[in-house]
Structure formats: C-alpha cells, structure tokens
Amino acid sequence: MQGDLSSGVETDGIKDKEKIKKVIEIVRQ
C-alpha cells in the first residue's frame, strides 16, 4: 500500500507541475 501511495503522489506531483507550466505559458501570452 505505501509503495502504491508514494508512486501515486509522485505521478500526481508531475501532473500538477505540467499543469502549472501550461497555465504560466497561457498567462504570459
């Protein structure tokens, strides 16, 4: 369970970072 949770958090973090980058690009335009 702990391994699955940690991997899930890591993937969610990566997705969040990608979303933030996209939002920043849109705002800069």
C-alpha atoms as a PDB file:
ATOM      1  CA  MET A   1       0.000   0.000   0.000  1.00  0.00           C
ATOM      2  CA  GLN A   2       2.701   2.510   0.987  1.00  0.00           C
ATOM      3  CA  GLY A   3       4.589   1.918  -2.272  1.00  0.00           C
ATOM      4  CA  ASP A   4       1.435   2.457  -4.337  1.00  0.00           C
ATOM      5  CA  LEU A   5       0.561   5.620  -2.417  1.00  0.00           C
ATOM      6  CA  SER A   6       4.065   7.081  -2.795  1.00  0.00           C
ATOM      7  CA  SER A   7       4.128   6.329  -6.537  1.00  0.00           C
ATOM      8  CA  GLY A   8       0.641   7.838  -6.883  1.00  0.00           C
ATOM      9  CA  VAL A   9       1.760  11.015  -5.118  1.00  0.00           C
ATOM     10  CA  GLU A  10       4.808  11.274  -7.376  1.00  0.00           C
ATOM     11  CA  THR A  11       2.709  10.921 -10.559  1.00  0.00           C
ATOM     12  CA  ASP A  12       0.181  13.461  -9.238  1.00  0.00           C
ATOM     13  CA  GLY A  13       3.025  15.886  -8.475  1.00  0.00           C
ATOM     14  CA  ILE A  14       4.378  15.533 -12.015  1.00  0.00           C
ATOM     15  CA  LYS A  15       0.908  16.152 -13.469  1.00  0.00           C
ATOM     16  CA  ASP A  16       0.477  19.218 -11.252  1.00  0.00           C
ATOM     17  CA  LYS A  17       3.846  20.612 -12.398  1.00  0.00           C
ATOM     18  CA  GLU A  18       2.867  20.112 -16.052  1.00  0.00           C
ATOM     19  CA  LYS A  19      -0.468  21.869 -15.456  1.00  0.00           C
ATOM     20  CA  ILE A  20       1.280  24.782 -13.712  1.00  0.00           C
ATOM     21  CA  LYS A  21       3.741  25.134 -16.611  1.00  0.00           C
ATOM     22  CA  LYS A  22       0.859  25.224 -19.117  1.00  0.00           C
ATOM     23  CA  VAL A  23      -1.013  27.825 -17.047  1.00  0.00           C
ATOM     24  CA  ILE A  24       2.110  30.009 -16.772  1.00  0.00           C
ATOM     25  CA  GLU A  25       2.617  29.819 -20.551  1.00  0.00           C
ATOM     26  CA  ILE A  26      -1.016  30.833 -21.158  1.00  0.00           C
ATOM     27  CA  VAL A  27      -0.784  33.728 -18.675  1.00  0.00           C
ATOM     28  CA  ARG A  28       2.458  35.007 -20.238  1.00  0.00           C
ATOM     29  CA  GLN A  29       0.748  35.111 -23.645  1.00  0.00           C
END
